[in-house]
C-alpha cells in the first residue's frame, strides 16, 4: 500500500472544453428568470393567529415563515382531499403559495401565532 502521485497538466479552459449540453449565458433565454429580475427585499412581517384545530390559507406569494409550536404548514396536491406536511409544527422556512393549496394547520388545543414575512 502506498501513495500514488499523479501529475496534473495545467490548461486554460475555453469554450472547446464545454460540453454541447452545458448551460451557458448564451443559452439562457432573454425572458428567463435570473437573480437580477427577482426582487430581494422583504415586506412587513404579519402575525397570523390560528384557532385550535383550525386552518389558515396562506395568500399567494413567497414567504419566510416561523410556525407556532403546534402549527404545521401543509400543501395539497389534489385540491384539498389530501394534505401533506411541508414544514413541521414549530419549524420555519420558505413557502411559495398559490393562494389556495398551502395552509397553516394548528393541531393544538389553543390558538397560537405564526409569522409570515412576504418577499416584496
Protein backbone atom coordinates (compact mmCIF):
# COMPACT_ATOMS: atom_id res chain seq x y z
CA UNK A 1 0.00 0.00 0.00
CA UNK A 2 1.46 3.32 -0.96
CA UNK A 3 0.67 6.78 -2.16
CA UNK A 4 0.06 7.22 -5.84
CA UNK A 5 1.07 10.58 -7.23
CA UNK A 6 -0.24 11.92 -10.47
CA UNK A 7 0.96 14.91 -12.43
CA UNK A 8 -1.82 17.25 -13.48
CA UNK A 9 -1.20 19.40 -16.50
CA UNK A 10 -2.42 22.97 -16.24
CA UNK A 11 -4.61 24.04 -19.15
CA UNK A 12 -6.63 27.10 -19.89
CA UNK A 13 -10.31 26.22 -20.16
CA UNK A 14 -12.16 27.69 -23.11
CA UNK A 15 -15.39 27.00 -24.95
CA UNK A 16 -13.85 23.99 -26.69
CA UNK A 17 -13.83 22.25 -23.29
CA UNK A 18 -17.52 22.92 -22.52
CA UNK A 19 -19.93 20.10 -23.35
CA UNK A 20 -22.53 20.83 -26.02
CA UNK A 21 -25.35 20.46 -23.49
CA UNK A 22 -23.76 22.71 -20.84
CA UNK A 23 -25.72 25.76 -19.67
CA UNK A 24 -24.01 28.97 -20.68
CA UNK A 25 -25.15 32.58 -20.59
CA UNK A 26 -25.62 32.43 -24.35
CA UNK A 27 -28.13 29.57 -23.92
CA UNK A 28 -30.27 31.28 -21.25
CA UNK A 29 -33.39 32.81 -22.80
CA UNK A 30 -33.75 36.59 -22.63
CA UNK A 31 -37.03 36.25 -20.71
CA UNK A 32 -35.71 33.68 -18.22
CA UNK A 33 -35.87 34.44 -14.51
CA UNK A 34 -32.44 35.48 -13.32
CA UNK A 35 -31.24 36.81 -9.98
CA UNK A 36 -31.25 40.36 -11.35
CA UNK A 37 -35.00 40.06 -12.09
CA UNK A 38 -36.01 38.88 -8.62
CA UNK A 39 -36.87 41.48 -6.00
CA UNK A 40 -34.84 40.60 -2.95
CA UNK A 41 -36.48 42.70 -0.25
CA UNK A 42 -38.96 41.50 2.32
CA UNK A 43 -42.19 43.22 3.27
CA UNK A 44 -43.52 43.70 6.78
CA UNK A 45 -43.96 40.60 8.91
CA UNK A 46 -47.55 39.71 9.76
CA UNK A 47 -48.82 37.72 12.71
CA UNK A 48 -51.40 35.05 11.90
CA UNK A 49 -53.37 33.59 14.81
CA UNK A 50 -54.81 30.15 14.05
CA UNK A 51 -57.51 28.79 16.38
CA UNK A 52 -57.12 25.35 17.97
CA UNK A 53 -57.92 22.74 15.34
CA UNK A 54 -58.22 25.49 12.72
CA UNK A 55 -56.52 26.29 9.45
CA UNK A 56 -55.44 29.45 7.62
CA UNK A 57 -54.87 29.56 3.85
CA UNK A 58 -51.68 31.44 3.01
CA UNK A 59 -52.28 34.15 0.38
CA UNK A 60 -50.48 33.85 -2.95
CA UNK A 61 -46.82 34.80 -2.69
CA UNK A 62 -43.41 33.80 -1.38
CA UNK A 63 -42.87 33.97 2.37
CA UNK A 64 -40.43 33.30 5.16
CA UNK A 65 -42.49 31.55 7.84
CA UNK A 66 -42.00 30.87 11.52
CA UNK A 67 -44.63 28.49 12.87
CA UNK A 68 -46.22 28.14 16.28
CA UNK A 69 -45.33 25.04 18.34
CA UNK A 70 -48.43 23.13 17.21
CA UNK A 71 -48.89 24.69 13.78
CA UNK A 72 -47.63 23.00 10.62
CA UNK A 73 -47.50 24.30 7.08
CA UNK A 74 -49.25 21.94 4.66
CA UNK A 75 -49.94 21.73 0.94
CA UNK A 76 -52.50 19.84 -1.10
CA UNK A 77 -51.62 18.19 -4.42
CA UNK A 78 -55.25 17.35 -5.25
CA UNK A 79 -57.44 20.33 -4.46
CA UNK A 80 -57.91 19.70 -0.74
CA UNK A 81 -58.63 15.99 -0.36
CA UNK A 82 -55.11 15.18 0.81
CA UNK A 83 -52.88 17.48 2.88
CA UNK A 84 -49.14 16.84 3.24
CA UNK A 85 -46.74 18.44 5.70
CA UNK A 86 -44.42 20.93 4.06
CA UNK A 87 -42.89 22.33 7.29
CA UNK A 88 -43.38 20.51 10.60
CA UNK A 89 -45.07 22.20 13.56
CA UNK A 90 -42.82 24.72 15.27
CA UNK A 91 -40.48 24.94 12.29
CA UNK A 92 -39.68 27.61 9.79
CA UNK A 93 -38.65 28.02 6.18
CA UNK A 94 -39.57 29.38 2.78
CA UNK A 95 -43.11 28.87 1.45
CA UNK A 96 -44.43 29.52 -2.04
CA UNK A 97 -48.22 29.72 -2.07
CA UNK A 98 -50.71 29.95 -4.94
CA UNK A 99 -53.33 31.28 -2.51
CA UNK A 100 -55.33 28.03 -2.49
CA UNK A 101 -53.10 24.99 -1.94
CA UNK A 102 -50.94 25.97 1.05
CA UNK A 103 -52.21 26.40 4.59
CA UNK A 104 -51.30 26.58 8.26
CA UNK A 105 -52.88 23.85 10.40
CA UNK A 106 -52.98 24.18 14.19
CA UNK A 107 -53.35 20.73 15.75
CA UNK A 108 -53.04 22.09 19.29
CA UNK A 109 -55.67 22.79 21.93
CA UNK A 110 -55.29 26.57 21.96
CA UNK A 111 -54.98 29.36 19.42
CA UNK A 112 -51.40 30.25 18.58
CA UNK A 113 -49.47 32.70 16.47
CA UNK A 114 -47.32 32.08 13.42
CA UNK A 115 -45.40 34.69 11.45
CA UNK A 116 -45.26 35.37 7.72
CA UNK A 117 -42.82 37.73 6.03
CA UNK A 118 -43.51 38.23 2.32
CA UNK A 119 -40.89 38.65 -0.36
CA UNK A 120 -41.82 42.05 -1.76
